[in-house]
């Protein structure tokens, strides 16, 4: 059974901000259990190897419990100390903005009411690249590759509607600000995708301190599929560069 000092946390973010990379990095730490898509409206929850299998429930039964009372599932089966070994000091999961705002409003309220829950707020500084990544993901032209060193030889491209892109950037910025306000009474840790990609040791050390686990070198385990160069990815790059250079988002195209 775990001690009462166990840290409960969530990672909240917009899509395509590196949440899978962060989750995998955290799971490389023996004292952290971080779940991915366990809070969904369909499918069965996969609790993984760090979750003990003596809870007496099948995956189908857990899915039913989650459907009937998501907050009960979260607190009694994800954040329940009795389901983990003694060395597991921090337990968390990904809950993206949309999930909290639309799909699991009761869970959102429960977390807002519980000031012991710690919030890892994951953002992406270059929101143009986030928009492009989201477009490619929606079209099935990109994904996160785990434990794979091979890259596609064909670089997919996307044509960008600049007005829609700016609308998306503004929407993400507004949602980020909204969630900072919503969680202002919680302990919150801000981290950017760009810091994770660089494996910023100081930031990662602060993150482990935030979660109250021992410091180790966290292992990055994902590799980007697509080029990081916007010119390689955007079909109408010159048009996008010209239009964005006249806005406050000019730095995103640089």
C-alpha atoms as a PDB file:
ATOM      1  CA  UNK A   1       0.000   0.000   0.000  1.00  0.00           C
ATOM      2  CA  UNK A   2       1.219   3.468  -0.836  1.00  0.00           C
ATOM      3  CA  UNK A   3       1.958   6.147   1.710  1.00  0.00           C
ATOM      4  CA  UNK A   4      -0.336   9.108   2.189  1.00  0.00           C
ATOM      5  CA  UNK A   5       2.273  11.332   0.557  1.00  0.00           C
ATOM      6  CA  UNK A   6       1.344  10.060  -2.898  1.00  0.00           C
ATOM      7  CA  UNK A   7       1.059  12.899  -5.428  1.00  0.00           C
ATOM      8  CA  UNK A   8      -2.009  12.967  -7.681  1.00  0.00           C
ATOM      9  CA  UNK A   9      -1.694  14.956 -10.901  1.00  0.00           C
ATOM     10  CA  UNK A  10      -3.081  15.553 -14.359  1.00  0.00           C
ATOM     11  CA  UNK A  11      -1.469  16.707 -17.587  1.00  0.00           C
ATOM     12  CA  UNK A  12      -3.781  19.117 -19.384  1.00  0.00           C
ATOM     13  CA  UNK A  13      -3.100  20.548 -22.816  1.00  0.00           C
ATOM     14  CA  UNK A  14      -4.291  21.135 -26.358  1.00  0.00           C
ATOM     15  CA  UNK A  15      -3.775  18.382 -28.958  1.00  0.00           C
ATOM     16  CA  UNK A  16      -0.332  18.048 -30.591  1.00  0.00           C
ATOM     17  CA  UNK A  17       1.624  19.610 -27.748  1.00  0.00           C
ATOM     18  CA  UNK A  18       3.758  16.588 -26.859  1.00  0.00           C
ATOM     19  CA  UNK A  19       1.576  14.935 -24.224  1.00  0.00           C
ATOM     20  CA  UNK A  20       2.484  11.412 -25.359  1.00  0.00           C
ATOM     21  CA  UNK A  21       6.172  12.273 -25.195  1.00  0.00           C
ATOM     22  CA  UNK A  22       5.767  13.747 -21.708  1.00  0.00           C
ATOM     23  CA  UNK A  23       3.748  10.757 -20.502  1.00  0.00           C
ATOM     24  CA  UNK A  24       6.351   8.301 -21.771  1.00  0.00           C
ATOM     25  CA  UNK A  25       9.160  10.317 -20.205  1.00  0.00           C
ATOM     26  CA  UNK A  26       7.370  10.340 -16.857  1.00  0.00           C
ATOM     27  CA  UNK A  27       6.727   6.609 -17.087  1.00  0.00           C
ATOM     28  CA  UNK A  28      10.465   6.026 -17.471  1.00  0.00           C
ATOM     29  CA  UNK A  29      10.643   7.041 -13.804  1.00  0.00           C
ATOM     30  CA  UNK A  30      10.071   4.047 -11.470  1.00  0.00           C
ATOM     31  CA  UNK A  31       8.202   6.226  -8.953  1.00  0.00           C
ATOM     32  CA  UNK A  32       5.678   7.645 -11.448  1.00  0.00           C
ATOM     33  CA  UNK A  33       2.628   6.086 -13.093  1.00  0.00           C
ATOM     34  CA  UNK A  34       1.182   8.296 -15.808  1.00  0.00           C
ATOM     35  CA  UNK A  35      -1.773   7.157 -17.904  1.00  0.00           C
ATOM     36  CA  UNK A  36      -2.738   8.125 -21.419  1.00  0.00           C
ATOM     37  CA  UNK A  37      -6.183   7.646 -22.891  1.00  0.00           C
ATOM     38  CA  UNK A  38      -7.911   6.024 -19.912  1.00  0.00           C
ATOM     39  CA  UNK A  39     -10.601   8.714 -19.712  1.00  0.00           C
ATOM     40  CA  UNK A  40     -12.451   8.224 -22.969  1.00  0.00           C
ATOM     41  CA  UNK A  41     -16.059   7.737 -23.984  1.00  0.00           C
ATOM     42  CA  UNK A  42     -15.333   4.437 -25.705  1.00  0.00           C
ATOM     43  CA  UNK A  43     -12.965   1.527 -25.421  1.00  0.00           C
ATOM     44  CA  UNK A  44     -11.652  -0.241 -22.350  1.00  0.00           C
ATOM     45  CA  UNK A  45      -9.144   1.382 -19.976  1.00  0.00           C
ATOM     46  CA  UNK A  46      -5.640  -0.055 -20.125  1.00  0.00           C
ATOM     47  CA  UNK A  47      -4.136   0.511 -16.683  1.00  0.00           C
ATOM     48  CA  UNK A  48      -0.718  -0.862 -17.570  1.00  0.00           C
ATOM     49  CA  UNK A  49       2.013  -2.681 -15.687  1.00  0.00           C
ATOM     50  CA  UNK A  50       2.423  -0.169 -12.837  1.00  0.00           C
ATOM     51  CA  UNK A  51      -1.189  -0.683 -11.795  1.00  0.00           C
ATOM     52  CA  UNK A  52      -1.624  -3.779  -9.669  1.00  0.00           C
ATOM     53  CA  UNK A  53      -3.993  -6.449 -10.954  1.00  0.00           C
ATOM     54  CA  UNK A  54      -5.690  -7.262  -7.663  1.00  0.00           C
ATOM     55  CA  UNK A  55      -8.563  -4.789  -7.922  1.00  0.00           C
ATOM     56  CA  UNK A  56     -10.983  -7.554  -8.819  1.00  0.00           C
ATOM     57  CA  UNK A  57     -12.388  -5.888 -11.932  1.00  0.00           C
ATOM     58  CA  UNK A  58     -12.121  -6.801 -15.592  1.00  0.00           C
ATOM     59  CA  UNK A  59     -11.445  -4.173 -18.243  1.00  0.00           C
ATOM     60  CA  UNK A  60     -15.076  -4.430 -19.300  1.00  0.00           C
ATOM     61  CA  UNK A  61     -16.264  -3.833 -15.734  1.00  0.00           C
ATOM     62  CA  UNK A  62     -13.936  -0.851 -15.366  1.00  0.00           C
ATOM     63  CA  UNK A  63     -15.260   0.610 -18.613  1.00  0.00           C
ATOM     64  CA  UNK A  64     -18.799   0.285 -17.249  1.00  0.00           C
ATOM     65  CA  UNK A  65     -17.825   1.986 -13.970  1.00  0.00           C
ATOM     66  CA  UNK A  66     -16.174   4.780 -15.930  1.00  0.00           C
ATOM     67  CA  UNK A  67     -19.263   5.231 -18.093  1.00  0.00           C
ATOM     68  CA  UNK A  68     -21.602   5.374 -15.086  1.00  0.00           C
ATOM     69  CA  UNK A  69     -19.473   7.608 -12.867  1.00  0.00           C
ATOM     70  CA  UNK A  70     -16.216   8.906 -14.375  1.00  0.00           C
ATOM     71  CA  UNK A  71     -15.131  10.727 -11.199  1.00  0.00           C
ATOM     72  CA  UNK A  72     -15.628   7.540  -9.164  1.00  0.00           C
ATOM     73  CA  UNK A  73     -13.510   5.617 -11.674  1.00  0.00           C
ATOM     74  CA  UNK A  74     -10.780   8.244 -11.494  1.00  0.00           C
ATOM     75  CA  UNK A  75     -10.569   8.423  -7.710  1.00  0.00           C
ATOM     76  CA  UNK A  76     -11.269   4.788  -6.830  1.00  0.00           C
ATOM     77  CA  UNK A  77      -9.326   3.042  -9.582  1.00  0.00           C
ATOM     78  CA  UNK A  78      -6.694   5.456 -10.926  1.00  0.00           C
ATOM     79  CA  UNK A  79      -5.835   7.474  -7.823  1.00  0.00           C
ATOM     80  CA  UNK A  80      -6.480   4.732  -5.267  1.00  0.00           C
ATOM     81  CA  UNK A  81      -3.324   4.190  -3.209  1.00  0.00           C
ATOM     82  CA  UNK A  82      -4.108   0.520  -2.579  1.00  0.00           C
ATOM     83  CA  UNK A  83      -3.587  -0.380  -6.236  1.00  0.00           C
ATOM     84  CA  UNK A  84       0.104   0.489  -6.399  1.00  0.00           C
ATOM     85  CA  UNK A  85       3.416  -0.688  -5.036  1.00  0.00           C
ATOM     86  CA  UNK A  86       5.105   1.253  -2.251  1.00  0.00           C
ATOM     87  CA  UNK A  87       7.659   2.881  -4.550  1.00  0.00           C
ATOM     88  CA  UNK A  88       4.998   4.549  -6.731  1.00  0.00           C
ATOM     89  CA  UNK A  89       4.918   8.098  -5.379  1.00  0.00           C
ATOM     90  CA  UNK A  90       3.091  10.024  -8.124  1.00  0.00           C
ATOM     91  CA  UNK A  91       0.071   8.979 -10.194  1.00  0.00           C
ATOM     92  CA  UNK A  92      -1.467  10.971 -12.995  1.00  0.00           C
ATOM     93  CA  UNK A  93      -3.107  10.974 -16.393  1.00  0.00           C
ATOM     94  CA  UNK A  94      -3.660  13.046 -19.498  1.00  0.00           C
ATOM     95  CA  UNK A  95      -6.874  15.057 -19.686  1.00  0.00           C
ATOM     96  CA  UNK A  96      -6.913  17.419 -22.624  1.00  0.00           C
ATOM     97  CA  UNK A  97      -8.814  20.695 -22.565  1.00  0.00           C
ATOM     98  CA  UNK A  98     -11.665  19.338 -24.681  1.00  0.00           C
ATOM     99  CA  UNK A  99     -12.129  16.282 -22.466  1.00  0.00           C
ATOM    100  CA  UNK A 100     -12.513  18.456 -19.376  1.00  0.00           C
ATOM    101  CA  UNK A 101     -14.698  21.065 -21.058  1.00  0.00           C
ATOM    102  CA  UNK A 102     -17.007  18.772 -22.996  1.00  0.00           C
ATOM    103  CA  UNK A 103     -16.755  15.053 -22.270  1.00  0.00           C
ATOM    104  CA  UNK A 104     -16.057  14.871 -18.529  1.00  0.00           C
ATOM    105  CA  UNK A 105     -17.472  18.004 -16.940  1.00  0.00           C
ATOM    106  CA  UNK A 106     -18.131  16.210 -13.637  1.00  0.00           C
ATOM    107  CA  UNK A 107     -14.496  15.109 -13.512  1.00  0.00           C
ATOM    108  CA  UNK A 108     -13.410  18.668 -14.274  1.00  0.00           C
ATOM    109  CA  UNK A 109     -15.485  19.961 -11.369  1.00  0.00           C
ATOM    110  CA  UNK A 110     -14.157  17.262  -9.035  1.00  0.00           C
ATOM    111  CA  UNK A 111     -10.584  18.244  -9.890  1.00  0.00           C
ATOM    112  CA  UNK A 112     -11.366  21.941  -9.455  1.00  0.00           C
ATOM    113  CA  UNK A 113     -12.797  21.160  -6.015  1.00  0.00           C
ATOM    114  CA  UNK A 114      -9.799  19.036  -5.007  1.00  0.00           C
ATOM    115  CA  UNK A 115      -6.903  21.416  -4.435  1.00  0.00           C
ATOM    116  CA  UNK A 116      -4.548  18.494  -3.718  1.00  0.00           C
ATOM    117  CA  UNK A 117      -4.517  17.577  -7.401  1.00  0.00           C
ATOM    118  CA  UNK A 118      -1.447  19.029  -9.084  1.00  0.00           C
ATOM    119  CA  UNK A 119      -1.647  20.366 -12.606  1.00  0.00           C
ATOM    120  CA  UNK A 120       1.008  19.969 -15.276  1.00  0.00           C
ATOM    121  CA  UNK A 121       0.029  22.537 -17.905  1.00  0.00           C
ATOM    122  CA  UNK A 122       1.659  21.524 -21.168  1.00  0.00           C
ATOM    123  CA  UNK A 123       1.760  24.099 -23.958  1.00  0.00           C
ATOM    124  CA  UNK A 124       3.511  24.641 -27.255  1.00  0.00           C
ATOM    125  CA  UNK A 125       5.206  27.972 -27.839  1.00  0.00           C
ATOM    126  CA  UNK A 126       5.023  27.826 -31.617  1.00  0.00           C
ATOM    127  CA  UNK A 127       1.286  27.512 -32.168  1.00  0.00           C
ATOM    128  CA  UNK A 128       1.681  27.600 -35.944  1.00  0.00           C
ATOM    129  CA  UNK A 129       3.617  24.334 -35.740  1.00  0.00           C
ATOM    130  CA  UNK A 130       0.944  22.958 -33.413  1.00  0.00           C
ATOM    131  CA  UNK A 131      -1.716  23.894 -35.972  1.00  0.00           C
ATOM    132  CA  UNK A 132       0.227  22.249 -38.805  1.00  0.00           C
ATOM    133  CA  UNK A 133       0.804  19.111 -36.730  1.00  0.00           C
ATOM    134  CA  UNK A 134      -2.895  18.949 -35.891  1.00  0.00           C
ATOM    135  CA  UNK A 135      -3.834  19.309 -39.559  1.00  0.00           C
ATOM    136  CA  UNK A 136      -1.464  16.535 -40.568  1.00  0.00           C
ATOM    137  CA  UNK A 137      -2.706  14.287 -37.761  1.00  0.00           C
ATOM    138  CA  UNK A 138      -6.335  14.868 -38.775  1.00  0.00           C
ATOM    139  CA  UNK A 139      -5.481  13.848 -42.330  1.00  0.00           C
ATOM    140  CA  UNK A 140      -3.636  10.751 -41.148  1.00  0.00           C
ATOM    141  CA  UNK A 141      -0.314  12.028 -42.477  1.00  0.00           C
ATOM    142  CA  UNK A 142       1.536  12.051 -39.191  1.00  0.00           C
ATOM    143  CA  UNK A 143       1.640  10.264 -35.879  1.00  0.00           C
ATOM    144  CA  UNK A 144       3.821   9.698 -32.857  1.00  0.00           C
ATOM    145  CA  UNK A 145       6.387   6.976 -33.413  1.00  0.00           C
ATOM    146  CA  UNK A 146       7.398   5.014 -30.325  1.00  0.00           C
ATOM    147  CA  UNK A 147      10.706   3.114 -30.248  1.00  0.00           C
ATOM    148  CA  UNK A 148      11.225   3.547 -33.976  1.00  0.00           C
ATOM    149  CA  UNK A 149      14.308   5.111 -35.511  1.00  0.00           C
ATOM    150  CA  UNK A 150      13.085   4.955 -39.109  1.00  0.00           C
ATOM    151  CA  UNK A 151      11.557   8.056 -40.696  1.00  0.00           C
ATOM    152  CA  UNK A 152       9.341   8.297 -43.741  1.00  0.00           C
ATOM    153  CA  UNK A 153      11.180   9.355 -46.876  1.00  0.00           C
ATOM    154  CA  UNK A 154       8.128  11.219 -48.175  1.00  0.00           C
ATOM    155  CA  UNK A 155       7.485  14.491 -46.365  1.00  0.00           C
ATOM    156  CA  UNK A 156       3.734  15.267 -46.303  1.00  0.00           C
ATOM    157  CA  UNK A 157       2.690  18.836 -47.011  1.00  0.00           C
ATOM    158  CA  UNK A 158      -0.327  20.913 -46.119  1.00  0.00           C
ATOM    159  CA  UNK A 159      -1.877  24.059 -47.594  1.00  0.00           C
ATOM    160  CA  UNK A 160      -2.620  26.584 -44.869  1.00  0.00           C
ATOM    161  CA  UNK A 161      -5.616  28.915 -44.768  1.00  0.00           C
ATOM    162  CA  UNK A 162      -3.994  31.769 -42.847  1.00  0.00           C
ATOM    163  CA  UNK A 163      -7.257  33.162 -41.476  1.00  0.00           C
ATOM    164  CA  UNK A 164      -8.263  29.758 -40.089  1.00  0.00           C
ATOM    165  CA  UNK A 165      -4.762  29.296 -38.723  1.00  0.00           C
ATOM    166  CA  UNK A 166      -4.878  32.619 -36.863  1.00  0.00           C
ATOM    167  CA  UNK A 167      -8.328  31.732 -35.547  1.00  0.00           C
ATOM    168  CA  UNK A 168      -6.950  28.441 -34.227  1.00  0.00           C
ATOM    169  CA  UNK A 169      -3.933  30.118 -32.618  1.00  0.00           C
ATOM    170  CA  UNK A 170      -6.154  32.658 -30.887  1.00  0.00           C
ATOM    171  CA  UNK A 171      -8.532  29.930 -29.701  1.00  0.00           C
ATOM    172  CA  UNK A 172      -5.691  27.907 -28.170  1.00  0.00           C
ATOM    173  CA  UNK A 173      -4.250  30.986 -26.456  1.00  0.00           C
ATOM    174  CA  UNK A 174      -7.647  31.845 -24.998  1.00  0.00           C
ATOM    175  CA  UNK A 175      -8.145  28.289 -23.747  1.00  0.00           C
ATOM    176  CA  UNK A 176      -4.686  28.250 -22.178  1.00  0.00           C
ATOM    177  CA  UNK A 177      -5.507  31.474 -20.338  1.00  0.00           C
ATOM    178  CA  UNK A 178      -8.874  30.090 -19.254  1.00  0.00           C
ATOM    179  CA  UNK A 179      -7.319  26.962 -17.750  1.00  0.00           C
ATOM    180  CA  UNK A 180      -4.662  28.952 -15.934  1.00  0.00           C
ATOM    181  CA  UNK A 181      -7.475  30.952 -14.375  1.00  0.00           C
ATOM    182  CA  UNK A 182      -9.531  27.838 -13.563  1.00  0.00           C
ATOM    183  CA  UNK A 183      -6.584  26.199 -11.794  1.00  0.00           C
ATOM    184  CA  UNK A 184      -5.182  29.284 -10.066  1.00  0.00           C
ATOM    185  CA  UNK A 185      -5.901  27.750  -6.635  1.00  0.00           C
ATOM    186  CA  UNK A 186      -3.984  24.574  -7.505  1.00  0.00           C
ATOM    187  CA  UNK A 187      -0.287  23.872  -7.603  1.00  0.00           C
ATOM    188  CA  UNK A 188       0.486  24.204 -11.302  1.00  0.00           C
ATOM    189  CA  UNK A 189       3.630  23.479 -13.296  1.00  0.00           C
ATOM    190  CA  UNK A 190       4.028  25.121 -16.703  1.00  0.00           C
ATOM    191  CA  UNK A 191       6.129  23.275 -19.265  1.00  0.00           C
ATOM    192  CA  UNK A 192       6.478  23.751 -23.021  1.00  0.00           C
ATOM    193  CA  UNK A 193       6.800  21.151 -25.758  1.00  0.00           C
ATOM    194  CA  UNK A 194       9.987  22.846 -26.912  1.00  0.00           C
ATOM    195  CA  UNK A 195      11.565  22.265 -23.484  1.00  0.00           C
ATOM    196  CA  UNK A 196      10.712  18.567 -23.629  1.00  0.00           C
ATOM    197  CA  UNK A 197      12.178  18.158 -27.109  1.00  0.00           C
ATOM    198  CA  UNK A 198      15.424  19.699 -25.863  1.00  0.00           C
ATOM    199  CA  UNK A 199      15.297  17.451 -22.761  1.00  0.00           C
ATOM    200  CA  UNK A 200      15.915  20.558 -20.661  1.00  0.00           C
ATOM    201  CA  UNK A 201      17.490  19.053 -17.537  1.00  0.00           C
ATOM    202  CA  UNK A 202      16.680  22.017 -15.293  1.00  0.00           C
ATOM    203  CA  UNK A 203      13.006  21.968 -16.266  1.00  0.00           C
ATOM    204  CA  UNK A 204      12.777  18.197 -15.844  1.00  0.00           C
ATOM    205  CA  UNK A 205      14.446  18.425 -12.426  1.00  0.00           C
ATOM    206  CA  UNK A 206      11.884  21.043 -11.389  1.00  0.00           C
ATOM    207  CA  UNK A 207       9.096  18.826 -12.711  1.00  0.00           C
ATOM    208  CA  UNK A 208      10.268  15.853 -10.641  1.00  0.00           C
ATOM    209  CA  UNK A 209      10.504  18.101  -7.600  1.00  0.00           C
ATOM    210  CA  UNK A 210       6.959  19.302  -8.319  1.00  0.00           C
ATOM    211  CA  UNK A 211       5.762  15.684  -8.318  1.00  0.00           C
ATOM    212  CA  UNK A 212       7.842  14.925  -5.208  1.00  0.00           C
ATOM    213  CA  UNK A 213       9.788  12.049  -6.704  1.00  0.00           C
ATOM    214  CA  UNK A 214      13.519  11.371  -6.702  1.00  0.00           C
ATOM    215  CA  UNK A 215      15.610  12.948  -9.428  1.00  0.00           C
ATOM    216  CA  UNK A 216      16.740  10.692 -12.270  1.00  0.00           C
ATOM    217  CA  UNK A 217      17.485  11.267 -15.943  1.00  0.00           C
ATOM    218  CA  UNK A 218      14.144  10.842 -17.689  1.00  0.00           C
ATOM    219  CA  UNK A 219      14.363   8.999 -20.990  1.00  0.00           C
ATOM    220  CA  UNK A 220      12.746  10.462 -24.129  1.00  0.00           C
ATOM    221  CA  UNK A 221      11.148   7.603 -26.053  1.00  0.00           C
ATOM    222  CA  UNK A 222       9.407   9.173 -29.033  1.00  0.00           C
ATOM    223  CA  UNK A 223      10.740  10.439 -32.299  1.00  0.00           C
ATOM    224  CA  UNK A 224       9.174  13.024 -34.564  1.00  0.00           C
ATOM    225  CA  UNK A 225       7.987  11.744 -37.921  1.00  0.00           C
ATOM    226  CA  UNK A 226       7.843  15.021 -39.832  1.00  0.00           C
ATOM    227  CA  UNK A 227      10.409  17.709 -40.545  1.00  0.00           C
ATOM    228  CA  UNK A 228      10.647  20.602 -38.119  1.00  0.00           C
ATOM    229  CA  UNK A 229      11.082  23.031 -41.021  1.00  0.00           C
ATOM    230  CA  UNK A 230       7.854  24.854 -41.848  1.00  0.00           C
ATOM    231  CA  UNK A 231       9.107  25.475 -45.373  1.00  0.00           C
ATOM    232  CA  UNK A 232       9.290  21.706 -45.884  1.00  0.00           C
ATOM    233  CA  UNK A 233       5.742  21.159 -44.639  1.00  0.00           C
ATOM    234  CA  UNK A 234       3.670  24.162 -45.786  1.00  0.00           C
ATOM    235  CA  UNK A 235       2.745  24.004 -49.478  1.00  0.00           C
ATOM    236  CA  UNK A 236       1.994  27.740 -49.682  1.00  0.00           C
ATOM    237  CA  UNK A 237       4.835  28.762 -47.379  1.00  0.00           C
ATOM    238  CA  UNK A 238       5.533  32.124 -49.047  1.00  0.00           C
ATOM    239  CA  UNK A 239       1.891  33.192 -48.730  1.00  0.00           C
ATOM    240  CA  UNK A 240       1.749  32.158 -45.079  1.00  0.00           C
ATOM    241  CA  UNK A 241       5.045  33.866 -44.294  1.00  0.00           C
ATOM    242  CA  UNK A 242       3.942  37.093 -45.974  1.00  0.00           C
ATOM    243  CA  UNK A 243       0.606  37.241 -44.146  1.00  0.00           C
ATOM    244  CA  UNK A 244       1.841  36.179 -40.712  1.00  0.00           C
ATOM    245  CA  UNK A 245       4.783  38.566 -40.866  1.00  0.00           C
ATOM    246  CA  UNK A 246       2.239  41.384 -40.691  1.00  0.00           C
ATOM    247  CA  UNK A 247       0.676  40.059 -37.485  1.00  0.00           C
ATOM    248  CA  UNK A 248       1.709  39.589 -33.868  1.00  0.00           C
ATOM    249  CA  UNK A 249       2.349  35.931 -34.735  1.00  0.00           C
ATOM    250  CA  UNK A 250       5.273  36.752 -37.041  1.00  0.00           C
ATOM    251  CA  UNK A 251       7.757  34.953 -34.762  1.00  0.00           C
ATOM    252  CA  UNK A 252       6.002  31.624 -35.396  1.00  0.00           C
ATOM    253  CA  UNK A 253       7.091  31.616 -39.046  1.00  0.00           C
ATOM    254  CA  UNK A 254      10.683  32.657 -38.361  1.00  0.00           C
END
